[in-house]
Amino acid sequence: SISFSGGGKKYLNVKDKNSIVEDEIFGKEF
């Protein structure tokens, strides 16, 4: 298995002016 970082969900809200990105480090979710 080969993967590149930044493969999780990406959420943007221009009204609230924030972003939330789902990512993980060796199985731990952030």
PDB file of all heavy atoms in Angstrom:
ATOM      1  N   SER A   1       0.839  -1.189   0.000  1.00  0.00           N
ATOM      2  CA  SER A   1       0.000   0.000   0.000  1.00  0.00           C
ATOM      3  C   SER A   1       0.876   1.241   0.000  1.00  0.00           C
ATOM      4  O   SER A   1       1.816   1.348   0.786  1.00  0.00           O
ATOM      5  CB  SER A   1      -0.919   0.004   1.230  1.00  0.00           C
ATOM      6  OG  SER A   1      -1.697   1.173   1.260  1.00  0.00           O
ATOM      7  N   ILE A   2       0.569   2.165  -0.920  1.00  0.00           N
ATOM      8  CA  ILE A   2       1.278   3.440  -1.000  1.00  0.00           C
ATOM      9  C   ILE A   2       0.239   4.539  -0.918  1.00  0.00           C
ATOM     10  O   ILE A   2      -0.806   4.461  -1.551  1.00  0.00           O
ATOM     11  CB  ILE A   2       2.065   3.568  -2.322  1.00  0.00           C
ATOM     12  CG1 ILE A   2       3.123   2.466  -2.411  1.00  0.00           C
ATOM     13  CG2 ILE A   2       2.726   4.941  -2.435  1.00  0.00           C
ATOM     14  CD1 ILE A   2       3.841   2.421  -3.743  1.00  0.00           C
ATOM     15  N   SER A   3       0.517   5.570  -0.134  1.00  0.00           N
ATOM     16  CA  SER A   3      -0.442   6.672  -0.035  1.00  0.00           C
ATOM     17  C   SER A   3       0.307   7.989   0.092  1.00  0.00           C
ATOM     18  O   SER A   3       1.461   8.026   0.502  1.00  0.00           O
ATOM     19  CB  SER A   3      -1.372   6.481   1.172  1.00  0.00           C
ATOM     20  OG  SER A   3      -0.635   6.527   2.377  1.00  0.00           O
ATOM     21  N   PHE A   4      -0.392   9.069  -0.288  1.00  0.00           N
ATOM     22  CA  PHE A   4       0.160  10.408  -0.149  1.00  0.00           C
ATOM     23  C   PHE A   4      -0.634  11.136   0.922  1.00  0.00           C
ATOM     24  O   PHE A   4      -1.824  10.883   1.119  1.00  0.00           O
ATOM     25  CB  PHE A   4       0.068  11.162  -1.476  1.00  0.00           C
ATOM     26  CG  PHE A   4       0.916  10.556  -2.563  1.00  0.00           C
ATOM     27  CD1 PHE A   4       0.365   9.656  -3.461  1.00  0.00           C
ATOM     28  CD2 PHE A   4       2.259  10.871  -2.664  1.00  0.00           C
ATOM     29  CE1 PHE A   4       1.143   9.087  -4.467  1.00  0.00           C
ATOM     30  CE2 PHE A   4       3.048  10.312  -3.665  1.00  0.00           C
ATOM     31  CZ  PHE A   4       2.482   9.417  -4.560  1.00  0.00           C
ATOM     32  N   SER A   5       0.003  12.054   1.614  1.00  0.00           N
ATOM     33  CA  SER A   5      -0.670  12.780   2.692  1.00  0.00           C
ATOM     34  C   SER A   5      -1.782  13.659   2.136  1.00  0.00           C
ATOM     35  O   SER A   5      -1.792  14.013   0.961  1.00  0.00           O
ATOM     36  CB  SER A   5       0.342  13.648   3.444  1.00  0.00           C
ATOM     37  OG  SER A   5       0.911  14.601   2.563  1.00  0.00           O
ATOM     38  N   GLY A   6      -2.719  14.028   3.001  1.00  0.00           N
ATOM     39  CA  GLY A   6      -3.798  14.912   2.591  1.00  0.00           C
ATOM     40  C   GLY A   6      -4.922  14.213   1.859  1.00  0.00           C
ATOM     41  O   GLY A   6      -5.603  14.823   1.046  1.00  0.00           O
ATOM     42  N   GLY A   7      -5.118  12.921   2.135  1.00  0.00           N
ATOM     43  CA  GLY A   7      -6.134  12.176   1.392  1.00  0.00           C
ATOM     44  C   GLY A   7      -7.507  12.177   2.015  1.00  0.00           C
ATOM     45  O   GLY A   7      -8.416  11.541   1.498  1.00  0.00           O
ATOM     46  N   GLY A   8      -7.702  12.868   3.148  1.00  0.00           N
ATOM     47  CA  GLY A   8      -8.993  12.850   3.819  1.00  0.00           C
ATOM     48  C   GLY A   8      -9.967  13.881   3.266  1.00  0.00           C
ATOM     49  O   GLY A   8      -9.709  14.543   2.267  1.00  0.00           O
ATOM     50  N   LYS A   9     -11.098  14.011   3.942  1.00  0.00           N
ATOM     51  CA  LYS A   9     -12.133  14.963   3.511  1.00  0.00           C
ATOM     52  C   LYS A   9     -11.673  16.396   3.760  1.00  0.00           C
ATOM     53  O   LYS A   9     -10.964  16.674   4.728  1.00  0.00           O
ATOM     54  CB  LYS A   9     -13.426  14.704   4.278  1.00  0.00           C
ATOM     55  CG  LYS A   9     -14.031  13.334   4.029  1.00  0.00           C
ATOM     56  CD  LYS A   9     -15.274  13.122   4.890  1.00  0.00           C
ATOM     57  CE  LYS A   9     -15.855  11.730   4.675  1.00  0.00           C
ATOM     58  NZ  LYS A   9     -17.038  11.497   5.543  1.00  0.00           N
ATOM     59  N   LYS A  10     -12.129  17.295   2.873  1.00  0.00           N
ATOM     60  CA  LYS A  10     -11.793  18.714   3.010  1.00  0.00           C
ATOM     61  C   LYS A  10     -13.091  19.522   2.948  1.00  0.00           C
ATOM     62  O   LYS A  10     -13.847  19.406   1.990  1.00  0.00           O
ATOM     63  CB  LYS A  10     -10.832  19.151   1.905  1.00  0.00           C
ATOM     64  CG  LYS A  10      -9.478  18.455   1.960  1.00  0.00           C
ATOM     65  CD  LYS A  10      -8.600  18.870   0.800  1.00  0.00           C
ATOM     66  CE  LYS A  10      -7.184  18.301   0.935  1.00  0.00           C
ATOM     67  NZ  LYS A  10      -7.146  16.840   0.829  1.00  0.00           N
ATOM     68  N   TYR A  11     -13.321  20.315   3.979  1.00  0.00           N
ATOM     69  CA  TYR A  11     -14.549  21.098   4.090  1.00  0.00           C
ATOM     70  C   TYR A  11     -14.212  22.578   4.146  1.00  0.00           C
ATOM     71  O   TYR A  11     -13.323  22.996   4.900  1.00  0.00           O
ATOM     72  CB  TYR A  11     -15.307  20.679   5.355  1.00  0.00           C
ATOM     73  CG  TYR A  11     -16.491  21.553   5.707  1.00  0.00           C
ATOM     74  CD1 TYR A  11     -17.736  21.356   5.123  1.00  0.00           C
ATOM     75  CD2 TYR A  11     -16.354  22.581   6.647  1.00  0.00           C
ATOM     76  CE1 TYR A  11     -18.822  22.151   5.454  1.00  0.00           C
ATOM     77  CE2 TYR A  11     -17.429  23.380   6.982  1.00  0.00           C
ATOM     78  CZ  TYR A  11     -18.665  23.161   6.386  1.00  0.00           C
ATOM     79  OH  TYR A  11     -19.733  23.961   6.714  1.00  0.00           O
ATOM     80  N   LEU A  12     -14.924  23.384   3.345  1.00  0.00           N
ATOM     81  CA  LEU A  12     -14.743  24.839   3.362  1.00  0.00           C
ATOM     82  C   LEU A  12     -16.083  25.517   3.589  1.00  0.00           C
ATOM     83  O   LEU A  12     -17.112  25.062   3.069  1.00  0.00           O
ATOM     84  CB  LEU A  12     -14.167  25.338   2.031  1.00  0.00           C
ATOM     85  CG  LEU A  12     -12.808  24.812   1.569  1.00  0.00           C
ATOM     86  CD1 LEU A  12     -12.423  25.464   0.245  1.00  0.00           C
ATOM     87  CD2 LEU A  12     -11.733  25.065   2.603  1.00  0.00           C
ATOM     88  N   ASN A  13     -16.064  26.600   4.353  1.00  0.00           N
ATOM     89  CA  ASN A  13     -17.278  27.375   4.590  1.00  0.00           C
ATOM     90  C   ASN A  13     -16.918  28.858   4.451  1.00  0.00           C
ATOM     91  O   ASN A  13     -16.235  29.417   5.312  1.00  0.00           O
ATOM     92  CB  ASN A  13     -17.838  27.086   5.989  1.00  0.00           C
ATOM     93  CG  ASN A  13     -19.229  27.674   6.183  1.00  0.00           C
ATOM     94  OD1 ASN A  13     -19.487  28.825   5.827  1.00  0.00           O
ATOM     95  ND2 ASN A  13     -20.118  26.884   6.758  1.00  0.00           N
ATOM     96  N   VAL A  14     -17.349  29.479   3.341  1.00  0.00           N
ATOM     97  CA  VAL A  14     -16.977  30.880   3.099  1.00  0.00           C
ATOM     98  C   VAL A  14     -17.805  31.842   3.949  1.00  0.00           C
ATOM     99  O   VAL A  14     -17.401  32.991   4.155  1.00  0.00           O
ATOM    100  CB  VAL A  14     -17.133  31.241   1.604  1.00  0.00           C
ATOM    101  CG1 VAL A  14     -16.136  30.463   0.769  1.00  0.00           C
ATOM    102  CG2 VAL A  14     -18.551  30.990   1.097  1.00  0.00           C
ATOM    103  N   LYS A  15     -18.931  31.373   4.459  1.00  0.00           N
ATOM    104  CA  LYS A  15     -19.751  32.212   5.327  1.00  0.00           C
ATOM    105  C   LYS A  15     -19.120  32.319   6.716  1.00  0.00           C
ATOM    106  O   LYS A  15     -18.982  33.423   7.273  1.00  0.00           O
ATOM    107  CB  LYS A  15     -21.167  31.641   5.447  1.00  0.00           C
ATOM    108  CG  LYS A  15     -22.114  32.503   6.263  1.00  0.00           C
ATOM    109  CD  LYS A  15     -23.505  31.873   6.322  1.00  0.00           C
ATOM    110  CE  LYS A  15     -24.457  32.709   7.167  1.00  0.00           C
ATOM    111  NZ  LYS A  15     -25.808  32.091   7.252  1.00  0.00           N
ATOM    112  N   ASP A  16     -18.738  31.177   7.271  1.00  0.00           N
ATOM    113  CA  ASP A  16     -18.078  31.158   8.581  1.00  0.00           C
ATOM    114  C   ASP A  16     -16.574  31.401   8.479  1.00  0.00           C
ATOM    115  O   ASP A  16     -15.888  31.537   9.502  1.00  0.00           O
ATOM    116  CB  ASP A  16     -18.318  29.814   9.268  1.00  0.00           C
ATOM    117  CG  ASP A  16     -19.797  29.586   9.570  1.00  0.00           C
ATOM    118  OD1 ASP A  16     -20.533  30.587   9.628  1.00  0.00           O
ATOM    119  OD2 ASP A  16     -20.197  28.416   9.730  1.00  0.00           O
ATOM    120  N   LYS A  17     -16.063  31.379   7.254  1.00  0.00           N
ATOM    121  CA  LYS A  17     -14.632  31.638   6.977  1.00  0.00           C
ATOM    122  C   LYS A  17     -13.719  30.668   7.719  1.00  0.00           C
ATOM    123  O   LYS A  17     -12.773  31.071   8.402  1.00  0.00           O
ATOM    124  CB  LYS A  17     -14.274  33.091   7.314  1.00  0.00           C
ATOM    125  CG  LYS A  17     -15.016  34.105   6.455  1.00  0.00           C
ATOM    126  CD  LYS A  17     -14.601  35.519   6.775  1.00  0.00           C
ATOM    127  CE  LYS A  17     -15.349  36.511   5.874  1.00  0.00           C
ATOM    128  NZ  LYS A  17     -15.000  37.917   6.169  1.00  0.00           N
ATOM    129  N   ASN A  18     -14.013  29.374   7.567  1.00  0.00           N
ATOM    130  CA  ASN A  18     -13.138  28.372   8.172  1.00  0.00           C
ATOM    131  C   ASN A  18     -13.043  27.134   7.277  1.00  0.00           C
ATOM    132  O   ASN A  18     -13.864  26.923   6.393  1.00  0.00           O
ATOM    133  CB  ASN A  18     -13.624  27.984   9.567  1.00  0.00           C
ATOM    134  CG  ASN A  18     -14.856  27.102   9.526  1.00  0.00           C
ATOM    135  OD1 ASN A  18     -15.744  27.291   8.705  1.00  0.00           O
ATOM    136  ND2 ASN A  18     -14.911  26.122  10.406  1.00  0.00           N
ATOM    137  N   SER A  19     -11.998  26.351   7.521  1.00  0.00           N
ATOM    138  CA  SER A  19     -11.804  25.098   6.792  1.00  0.00           C
ATOM    139  C   SER A  19     -11.509  23.987   7.784  1.00  0.00           C
ATOM    140  O   SER A  19     -10.889  24.221   8.831  1.00  0.00           O
ATOM    141  CB  SER A  19     -10.657  25.224   5.785  1.00  0.00           C
ATOM    142  OG  SER A  19      -9.414  25.322   6.451  1.00  0.00           O
ATOM    143  N   ILE A  20     -11.953  22.782   7.450  1.00  0.00           N
ATOM    144  CA  ILE A  20     -11.700  21.603   8.283  1.00  0.00           C
ATOM    145  C   ILE A  20     -11.207  20.492   7.362  1.00  0.00           C
ATOM    146  O   ILE A  20     -11.885  20.116   6.408  1.00  0.00           O
ATOM    147  CB  ILE A  20     -12.974  21.133   9.028  1.00  0.00           C
ATOM    148  CG1 ILE A  20     -13.541  22.263   9.885  1.00  0.00           C
ATOM    149  CG2 ILE A  20     -12.657  19.912   9.891  1.00  0.00           C
ATOM    150  CD1 ILE A  20     -14.876  21.914  10.543  1.00  0.00           C
ATOM    151  N   VAL A  21     -10.018  19.986   7.650  1.00  0.00           N
ATOM    152  CA  VAL A  21      -9.431  18.924   6.838  1.00  0.00           C
ATOM    153  C   VAL A  21      -9.245  17.683   7.700  1.00  0.00           C
ATOM    154  O   VAL A  21      -8.710  17.756   8.810  1.00  0.00           O
ATOM    155  CB  VAL A  21      -8.068  19.355   6.252  1.00  0.00           C
ATOM    156  CG1 VAL A  21      -7.423  18.197   5.489  1.00  0.00           C
ATOM    157  CG2 VAL A  21      -8.243  20.562   5.342  1.00  0.00           C
ATOM    158  N   GLU A  22      -9.693  16.553   7.187  1.00  0.00           N
ATOM    159  CA  GLU A  22      -9.562  15.282   7.887  1.00  0.00           C
ATOM    160  C   GLU A  22      -8.267  14.611   7.435  1.00  0.00           C
ATOM    161  O   GLU A  22      -8.044  14.426   6.246  1.00  0.00           O
ATOM    162  CB  GLU A  22     -10.767  14.401   7.531  1.00  0.00           C
ATOM    163  CG  GLU A  22     -10.849  13.084   8.259  1.00  0.00           C
ATOM    164  CD  GLU A  22     -12.055  12.280   7.788  1.00  0.00           C
ATOM    165  OE1 GLU A  22     -11.951  11.662   6.709  1.00  0.00           O
ATOM    166  OE2 GLU A  22     -13.094  12.294   8.458  1.00  0.00           O
ATOM    167  N   ASP A  23      -7.413  14.262   8.385  1.00  0.00           N
ATOM    168  CA  ASP A  23      -6.152  13.599   8.037  1.00  0.00           C
ATOM    169  C   ASP A  23      -5.768  12.653   9.167  1.00  0.00           C
ATOM    170  O   ASP A  23      -6.398  12.647  10.232  1.00  0.00           O
ATOM    171  CB  ASP A  23      -5.050  14.644   7.801  1.00  0.00           C
ATOM    172  CG  ASP A  23      -4.041  14.180   6.757  1.00  0.00           C
ATOM    173  OD1 ASP A  23      -3.854  12.956   6.614  1.00  0.00           O
ATOM    174  OD2 ASP A  23      -3.438  15.040   6.093  1.00  0.00           O
ATOM    175  N   GLU A  24      -4.730  11.847   8.930  1.00  0.00           N
ATOM    176  CA  GLU A  24      -4.312  10.906   9.968  1.00  0.00           C
ATOM    177  C   GLU A  24      -2.808  10.718   9.947  1.00  0.00           C
ATOM    178  O   GLU A  24      -2.142  10.965   8.946  1.00  0.00           O
ATOM    179  CB  GLU A  24      -5.028   9.559   9.794  1.00  0.00           C
ATOM    180  CG  GLU A  24      -4.841   8.888   8.448  1.00  0.00           C
ATOM    181  CD  GLU A  24      -3.666   7.938   8.408  1.00  0.00           C
ATOM    182  OE1 GLU A  24      -3.241   7.458   9.486  1.00  0.00           O
ATOM    183  OE2 GLU A  24      -3.155   7.680   7.305  1.00  0.00           O
ATOM    184  N   ILE A  25      -2.275  10.308  11.096  1.00  0.00           N
ATOM    185  CA  ILE A  25      -0.850  10.025  11.227  1.00  0.00           C
ATOM    186  C   ILE A  25      -0.711   8.618  11.778  1.00  0.00           C
ATOM    187  O   ILE A  25      -1.016   8.373  12.947  1.00  0.00           O
ATOM    188  CB  ILE A  25      -0.147  11.039  12.157  1.00  0.00           C
ATOM    189  CG1 ILE A  25      -0.276  12.461  11.602  1.00  0.00           C
ATOM    190  CG2 ILE A  25       1.327  10.668  12.332  1.00  0.00           C
ATOM    191  CD1 ILE A  25       0.280  13.538  12.520  1.00  0.00           C
ATOM    192  N   PHE A  26      -0.319   7.695  10.910  1.00  0.00           N
ATOM    193  CA  PHE A  26      -0.162   6.292  11.287  1.00  0.00           C
ATOM    194  C   PHE A  26      -1.368   5.762  12.061  1.00  0.00           C
ATOM    195  O   PHE A  26      -1.242   5.161  13.127  1.00  0.00           O
ATOM    196  CB  PHE A  26       1.126   6.095  12.089  1.00  0.00           C
ATOM    197  CG  PHE A  26       2.365   6.413  11.292  1.00  0.00           C
ATOM    198  CD1 PHE A  26       3.083   7.567  11.542  1.00  0.00           C
ATOM    199  CD2 PHE A  26       2.794   5.568  10.280  1.00  0.00           C
ATOM    200  CE1 PHE A  26       4.226   7.871  10.801  1.00  0.00           C
ATOM    201  CE2 PHE A  26       3.928   5.874   9.535  1.00  0.00           C
ATOM    202  CZ  PHE A  26       4.644   7.016   9.792  1.00  0.00           C
ATOM    203  N   GLY A  27      -2.563   6.033  11.521  1.00  0.00           N
ATOM    204  CA  GLY A  27      -3.788   5.470  12.093  1.00  0.00           C
ATOM    205  C   GLY A  27      -4.522   6.376  13.059  1.00  0.00           C
ATOM    206  O   GLY A  27      -5.704   6.154  13.325  1.00  0.00           O
ATOM    207  N   LYS A  28      -3.867   7.399  13.603  1.00  0.00           N
ATOM    208  CA  LYS A  28      -4.551   8.317  14.514  1.00  0.00           C
ATOM    209  C   LYS A  28      -5.185   9.453  13.718  1.00  0.00           C
ATOM    210  O   LYS A  28      -4.527  10.095  12.897  1.00  0.00           O
ATOM    211  CB  LYS A  28      -3.587   8.889  15.554  1.00  0.00           C
ATOM    212  CG  LYS A  28      -4.294   9.791  16.564  1.00  0.00           C
ATOM    213  CD  LYS A  28      -3.391  10.258  17.681  1.00  0.00           C
ATOM    214  CE  LYS A  28      -4.149  11.153  18.656  1.00  0.00           C
ATOM    215  NZ  LYS A  28      -3.316  11.632  19.768  1.00  0.00           N
ATOM    216  N   GLU A  29      -6.488   9.699  13.971  1.00  0.00           N
ATOM    217  CA  GLU A  29      -7.231  10.682  13.192  1.00  0.00           C
ATOM    218  C   GLU A  29      -7.138  12.086  13.785  1.00  0.00           C
ATOM    219  O   GLU A  29      -7.146  12.264  14.998  1.00  0.00           O
ATOM    220  CB  GLU A  29      -8.705  10.267  13.099  1.00  0.00           C
ATOM    221  CG  GLU A  29      -8.909   8.951  12.359  1.00  0.00           C
ATOM    222  CD  GLU A  29     -10.352   8.509  12.365  1.00  0.00           C
ATOM    223  OE1 GLU A  29     -11.008   8.608  13.425  1.00  0.00           O
ATOM    224  OE2 GLU A  29     -10.844   8.041  11.317  1.00  0.00           O
ATOM    225  N   PHE A  30      -7.067  13.061  12.874  1.00  0.00           N
ATOM    226  CA  PHE A  30      -6.992  14.462  13.273  1.00  0.00           C
ATOM    227  C   PHE A  30      -7.945  15.293  12.417  1.00  0.00           C
ATOM    228  O   PHE A  30      -8.262  14.939  11.281  1.00  0.00           O
ATOM    229  CB  PHE A  30      -5.572  15.009  13.094  1.00  0.00           C
ATOM    230  CG  PHE A  30      -4.560  14.438  14.046  1.00  0.00           C
ATOM    231  CD1 PHE A  30      -3.867  13.279  13.718  1.00  0.00           C
ATOM    232  CD2 PHE A  30      -4.300  15.060  15.254  1.00  0.00           C
ATOM    233  CE1 PHE A  30      -2.929  12.749  14.587  1.00  0.00           C
ATOM    234  CE2 PHE A  30      -3.358  14.542  16.140  1.00  0.00           C
ATOM    235  CZ  PHE A  30      -2.673  13.382  15.798  1.00  0.00           C
TER     236      PHE A  30
END
